[in-house]
C-alpha atoms as a PDB file:
ATOM      1  CA  MET A   1     -21.915  42.454  13.536  1.00  0.00           C
ATOM      2  CA  VAL A   2     -21.517  39.386  16.422  1.00  0.00           C
ATOM      3  CA  VAL A   3     -17.683  39.009  16.063  1.00  0.00           C
ATOM      4  CA  PHE A   4     -15.718  36.474  18.200  1.00  0.00           C
ATOM      5  CA  TYR A   5     -12.656  37.078  19.810  1.00  0.00           C
ATOM      6  CA  TYR A   6      -9.431  34.554  20.159  1.00  0.00           C
ATOM      7  CA  GLN A   7      -5.915  36.288  21.679  1.00  0.00           C
ATOM      8  CA  PRO A   8      -2.942  34.594  19.529  1.00  0.00           C
ATOM      9  CA  GLU A   9      -0.330  33.437  21.460  1.00  0.00           C
ATOM     10  CA  ASP A  10       1.768  30.910  20.320  1.00  0.00           C
ATOM     11  CA  GLY A  11      -0.836  28.932  18.321  1.00  0.00           C
ATOM     12  CA  ARG A  12      -1.336  27.086  21.398  1.00  0.00           C
ATOM     13  CA  PRO A  13      -4.680  27.884  23.168  1.00  0.00           C
ATOM     14  CA  ILE A  14      -6.042  28.273  19.216  1.00  0.00           C
ATOM     15  CA  ARG A  15      -5.873  24.394  18.027  1.00  0.00           C
ATOM     16  CA  LYS A  16      -6.591  23.051  21.608  1.00  0.00           C
ATOM     17  CA  THR A  17      -9.635  25.230  20.811  1.00  0.00           C
ATOM     18  CA  TRP A  18     -10.136  25.507  17.756  1.00  0.00           C
ATOM     19  CA  TRP A  19     -11.440  21.410  17.878  1.00  0.00           C
ATOM     20  CA  SER A  20     -13.071  21.000  20.345  1.00  0.00           C
ATOM     21  CA  PHE A  21     -14.871  22.642  23.940  1.00  0.00           C
ATOM     22  CA  ARG A  22     -18.034  20.690  26.256  1.00  0.00           C
ATOM     23  CA  LYS A  23     -22.042  21.424  25.470  1.00  0.00           C
ATOM     24  CA  LYS A  24     -23.920  21.839  28.521  1.00  0.00           C
ATOM     25  CA  GLY A  25     -25.399  18.339  29.343  1.00  0.00           C
ATOM     26  CA  GLY A  26     -22.145  16.563  28.155  1.00  0.00           C
ATOM     27  CA  GLY A  27     -20.759  16.482  24.609  1.00  0.00           C
ATOM     28  CA  ILE A  28     -18.237  17.088  22.381  1.00  0.00           C
ATOM     29  CA  LEU A  29     -18.919  20.358  20.457  1.00  0.00           C
ATOM     30  CA  THR A  30     -16.822  21.114  17.574  1.00  0.00           C
ATOM     31  CA  LEU A  31     -15.872  25.302  17.448  1.00  0.00           C
ATOM     32  CA  LEU A  32     -16.569  24.801  13.652  1.00  0.00           C
ATOM     33  CA  ASP A  33     -19.165  22.967  14.180  1.00  0.00           C
ATOM     34  CA  TYR A  34     -20.350  25.977  16.671  1.00  0.00           C
ATOM     35  CA  PHE A  35     -19.675  28.495  14.382  1.00  0.00           C
ATOM     36  CA  THR A  36     -21.092  27.299  10.619  1.00  0.00           C
ATOM     37  CA  ARG A  37     -23.873  28.182  12.737  1.00  0.00           C
ATOM     38  CA  VAL A  38     -23.530  32.083  12.881  1.00  0.00           C
ATOM     39  CA  ARG A  39     -22.388  34.056  10.598  1.00  0.00           C
ATOM     40  CA  TRP A  40     -19.344  35.817  12.252  1.00  0.00           C
ATOM     41  CA  TYR A  41     -15.452  37.541  12.432  1.00  0.00           C
ATOM     42  CA  LEU A  42     -12.053  36.251  14.391  1.00  0.00           C
ATOM     43  CA  ILE A  43     -11.337  39.621  15.961  1.00  0.00           C
ATOM     44  CA  PHE A  44      -7.630  39.056  17.156  1.00  0.00           C
ATOM     45  CA  VAL A  45      -7.020  41.560  20.863  1.00  0.00           C
ATOM     46  CA  GLY A  46      -5.832  41.257  24.251  1.00  0.00           C
ATOM     47  CA  PRO A  47      -8.471  42.930  26.404  1.00  0.00           C
ATOM     48  CA  THR A  48      -7.613  43.728  29.958  1.00  0.00           C
ATOM     49  CA  PRO A  49     -10.093  43.654  32.730  1.00  0.00           C
ATOM     50  CA  PRO A  50     -13.674  45.712  31.903  1.00  0.00           C
ATOM     51  CA  LYS A  51     -14.546  48.167  34.802  1.00  0.00           C
ATOM     52  CA  PRO A  52     -16.980  48.268  36.546  1.00  0.00           C
ATOM     53  CA  ASN A  53     -20.769  47.740  34.054  1.00  0.00           C
ATOM     54  CA  GLU A  54     -18.392  47.569  30.888  1.00  0.00           C
ATOM     55  CA  PRO A  55     -18.239  44.028  29.120  1.00  0.00           C
ATOM     56  CA  ILE A  56     -14.703  44.309  28.139  1.00  0.00           C
ATOM     57  CA  GLY A  57     -11.581  47.276  29.018  1.00  0.00           C
ATOM     58  CA  SER A  58      -9.518  47.902  26.666  1.00  0.00           C
ATOM     59  CA  ALA A  59      -9.801  45.174  23.556  1.00  0.00           C
ATOM     60  CA  GLY A  60      -6.162  46.825  20.971  1.00  0.00           C
ATOM     61  CA  PRO A  61      -5.339  44.181  17.899  1.00  0.00           C
ATOM     62  CA  THR A  62      -2.494  41.956  18.114  1.00  0.00           C
ATOM     63  CA  THR A  63      -0.755  41.272  14.727  1.00  0.00           C
ATOM     64  CA  SER A  64      -3.031  38.417  13.103  1.00  0.00           C
ATOM     65  CA  TYR A  65      -0.294  36.803  10.969  1.00  0.00           C
ATOM     66  CA  ARG A  66       0.575  35.016  14.074  1.00  0.00           C
ATOM     67  CA  MET A  67      -2.871  32.993  12.895  1.00  0.00           C
ATOM     68  CA  ASP A  68      -1.668  32.945   8.960  1.00  0.00           C
ATOM     69  CA  SER A  69      -1.587  29.018   9.469  1.00  0.00           C
ATOM     70  CA  TYR A  70      -5.173  28.572  10.961  1.00  0.00           C
ATOM     71  CA  SER A  71      -7.000  31.216   8.660  1.00  0.00           C
ATOM     72  CA  PRO A  72      -7.550  29.961   5.262  1.00  0.00           C
ATOM     73  CA  THR A  73      -9.230  27.271   7.636  1.00  0.00           C
ATOM     74  CA  MET A  74     -11.777  29.188   9.488  1.00  0.00           C
ATOM     75  CA  LEU A  75     -12.125  31.026   6.396  1.00  0.00           C
ATOM     76  CA  LYS A  76     -12.937  27.547   4.558  1.00  0.00           C
ATOM     77  CA  HIS A  77     -15.267  26.719   7.834  1.00  0.00           C
ATOM     78  CA  GLY A  78     -17.564  29.921   7.361  1.00  0.00           C
ATOM     79  CA  SER A  79     -15.871  32.753   8.725  1.00  0.00           C
ATOM     80  CA  LYS A  80     -16.191  36.636   6.562  1.00  0.00           C
ATOM     81  CA  GLY A  81     -12.952  37.737   8.086  1.00  0.00           C
ATOM     82  CA  MET A  82     -10.850  38.536  10.744  1.00  0.00           C
ATOM     83  CA  ILE A  83      -9.872  41.397  12.438  1.00  0.00           C
ATOM     84  CA  GLY A  84      -6.628  42.443  13.640  1.00  0.00           C
ATOM     85  CA  LYS A  85      -3.315  44.377  12.788  1.00  0.00           C
ATOM     86  CA  GLY A  86      -0.308  44.198  10.190  1.00  0.00           C
ATOM     87  CA  LYS A  87       0.071  42.249   6.619  1.00  0.00           C
ATOM     88  CA  ARG A  88      -0.882  38.223   5.896  1.00  0.00           C
ATOM     89  CA  ASP A  89       0.250  36.286   4.067  1.00  0.00           C
ATOM     90  CA  GLN A  90      -0.316  35.565   0.618  1.00  0.00           C
ATOM     91  CA  ALA A  91      -2.765  32.412   1.586  1.00  0.00           C
ATOM     92  CA  VAL A  92      -4.664  34.280   3.601  1.00  0.00           C
ATOM     93  CA  LYS A  93      -4.719  37.191   1.435  1.00  0.00           C
ATOM     94  CA  ASP A  94      -6.193  33.801  -1.631  1.00  0.00           C
ATOM     95  CA  ALA A  95      -8.539  32.300   1.139  1.00  0.00           C
ATOM     96  CA  CYS A  96      -9.917  35.582   1.449  1.00  0.00           C
ATOM     97  CA  VAL A  97     -10.132  35.556  -2.361  1.00  0.00           C
ATOM     98  CA  GLU A  98     -11.967  31.802  -2.225  1.00  0.00           C
ATOM     99  CA  TYR A  99     -14.135  31.224   0.557  1.00  0.00           C
ATOM    100  CA  GLY A 100     -15.585  35.462  -0.055  1.00  0.00           C
ATOM    101  CA  GLY A 101     -13.609  36.589   3.365  1.00  0.00           C
ATOM    102  CA  VAL A 102     -12.392  40.279   4.045  1.00  0.00           C
ATOM    103  CA  TYR A 103      -9.890  41.370   6.614  1.00  0.00           C
ATOM    104  CA  PHE A 104      -9.744  44.408   8.143  1.00  0.00           C
ATOM    105  CA  GLY A 105      -7.137  46.127   9.999  1.00  0.00           C
ATOM    106  CA  ALA A 106      -7.770  48.118  13.326  1.00  0.00           C
ATOM    107  CA  THR A 107      -5.799  50.744  14.329  1.00  0.00           C
ATOM    108  CA  GLY A 108      -3.390  49.513  16.450  1.00  0.00           C
ATOM    109  CA  GLY A 109      -3.254  51.815  20.666  1.00  0.00           C
ATOM    110  CA  ALA A 110      -6.261  52.779  19.863  1.00  0.00           C
ATOM    111  CA  GLY A 111      -8.038  49.783  22.188  1.00  0.00           C
ATOM    112  CA  ALA A 112      -9.556  52.174  24.714  1.00  0.00           C
ATOM    113  CA  LEU A 113     -11.402  53.019  21.689  1.00  0.00           C
ATOM    114  CA  LEU A 114     -11.902  50.144  20.729  1.00  0.00           C
ATOM    115  CA  GLY A 115     -13.345  48.674  23.514  1.00  0.00           C
ATOM    116  CA  LYS A 116     -15.805  51.000  24.101  1.00  0.00           C
ATOM    117  CA  LYS A 117     -17.461  49.731  20.995  1.00  0.00           C
ATOM    118  CA  ILE A 118     -17.762  46.083  21.909  1.00  0.00           C
ATOM    119  CA  LEU A 119     -21.326  46.339  23.861  1.00  0.00           C
ATOM    120  CA  SER A 120     -21.235  42.780  25.157  1.00  0.00           C
ATOM    121  CA  ALA A 121     -19.266  40.139  25.611  1.00  0.00           C
ATOM    122  CA  LYS A 122     -19.703  36.688  26.413  1.00  0.00           C
ATOM    123  CA  VAL A 123     -17.372  33.798  27.350  1.00  0.00           C
ATOM    124  CA  ILE A 124     -18.567  31.038  24.992  1.00  0.00           C
ATOM    125  CA  ALA A 125     -15.025  28.466  25.542  1.00  0.00           C
ATOM    126  CA  TYR A 126     -12.673  28.111  27.714  1.00  0.00           C
ATOM    127  CA  PRO A 127     -13.206  30.507  30.922  1.00  0.00           C
ATOM    128  CA  GLU A 128      -9.334  29.270  32.392  1.00  0.00           C
ATOM    129  CA  LEU A 129      -7.330  30.710  30.054  1.00  0.00           C
ATOM    130  CA  GLY A 130      -8.495  34.215  31.114  1.00  0.00           C
ATOM    131  CA  PRO A 131      -8.336  36.689  28.910  1.00  0.00           C
ATOM    132  CA  GLU A 132      -7.329  33.424  26.452  1.00  0.00           C
ATOM    133  CA  ALA A 133     -10.603  33.006  26.471  1.00  0.00           C
ATOM    134  CA  VAL A 134     -13.153  32.331  23.487  1.00  0.00           C
ATOM    135  CA  ARG A 135     -15.543  34.977  23.755  1.00  0.00           C
ATOM    136  CA  LYS A 136     -18.739  36.498  21.324  1.00  0.00           C
ATOM    137  CA  LEU A 137     -18.579  39.536  21.070  1.00  0.00           C
ATOM    138  CA  VAL A 138     -21.591  42.408  19.975  1.00  0.00           C
ATOM    139  CA  VAL A 139     -20.318  45.828  18.465  1.00  0.00           C
ATOM    140  CA  LYS A 140     -21.379  49.386  17.191  1.00  0.00           C
ATOM    141  CA  ASP A 141     -19.670  51.425  15.018  1.00  0.00           C
ATOM    142  CA  PHE A 142     -16.624  49.221  15.329  1.00  0.00           C
ATOM    143  CA  PRO A 143     -14.070  51.100  13.277  1.00  0.00           C
ATOM    144  CA  VAL A 144     -12.293  49.064  10.677  1.00  0.00           C
ATOM    145  CA  THR A 145     -10.268  49.275   7.113  1.00  0.00           C
ATOM    146  CA  VAL A 146     -10.537  46.864   4.644  1.00  0.00           C
ATOM    147  CA  ILE A 147      -6.502  46.136   3.835  1.00  0.00           C
ATOM    148  CA  ASN A 148      -7.548  42.906   2.267  1.00  0.00           C
ATOM    149  CA  ASP A 149     -10.904  42.173   0.307  1.00  0.00           C
ATOM    150  CA  THR A 150     -12.210  39.162  -2.211  1.00  0.00           C
ATOM    151  CA  TYR A 151     -11.022  40.311  -5.236  1.00  0.00           C
ATOM    152  CA  GLY A 152      -7.643  40.247  -4.308  1.00  0.00           C
ATOM    153  CA  ASP A 153      -6.867  44.098  -3.255  1.00  0.00           C
ATOM    154  CA  ASP A 154      -4.264  44.768  -0.606  1.00  0.00           C
ATOM    155  CA  LEU A 155      -4.568  48.305   1.038  1.00  0.00           C
ATOM    156  CA  TYR A 156      -1.097  47.715   2.316  1.00  0.00           C
ATOM    157  CA  GLN A 157      -0.044  46.876  -1.060  1.00  0.00           C
ATOM    158  CA  MET A 158      -1.559  49.539  -2.766  1.00  0.00           C
ATOM    159  CA  GLY A 159      -0.314  52.737  -1.077  1.00  0.00           C
ATOM    160  CA  ARG A 160       2.727  51.506  -1.227  1.00  0.00           C
ATOM    161  CA  GLU A 161       3.283  51.444  -4.965  1.00  0.00           C
ATOM    162  CA  GLN A 162       1.530  54.740  -5.470  1.00  0.00           C
ATOM    163  CA  TYR A 163       4.086  56.137  -3.522  1.00  0.00           C
ATOM    164  CA  GLU A 164       7.480  53.523  -4.878  1.00  0.00           C
ATOM    165  CA  VAL A 165      10.686  55.550  -6.425  1.00  0.00           C
ATOM    166  CA  LYS A 166      10.364  53.396  -9.558  1.00  0.00           C
ATOM    167  CA  ASP A 167      13.529  54.128 -12.196  1.00  0.00           C
END
């Protein structure tokens, strides 16, 4: 599975990153153009620097709701899904149904384990942003759980309903 990474902070860098970057040999290639050519997922993660001979350090998920205003557009333009932590708003759930996307939850606090599942990490845009640069990650046996699926299901809501006291 190929995963594209972005570390969201306040939303500012994603706007800059989302629209365009320079391609080799000149010209502008939008990330939307790039991403529509491949099957991709977006992972919201805050990596630490890699140790020698490792592609990345710890890679714990960050809270995904900060990207809710961007996620439907990313799904519309080819994203197959997202990986992060926390619940998503209704617009993201609706976009998963409409565009066939999935939101996977990764366990917070397991960044060291997740980092070990990343086989390679290559900066593809904005290296000057350091940990906020856009990276292409290749992962294997990445431990995630489906939270929102293409049928509109929400694991957080389903789990809560099982234990709610009903009058």
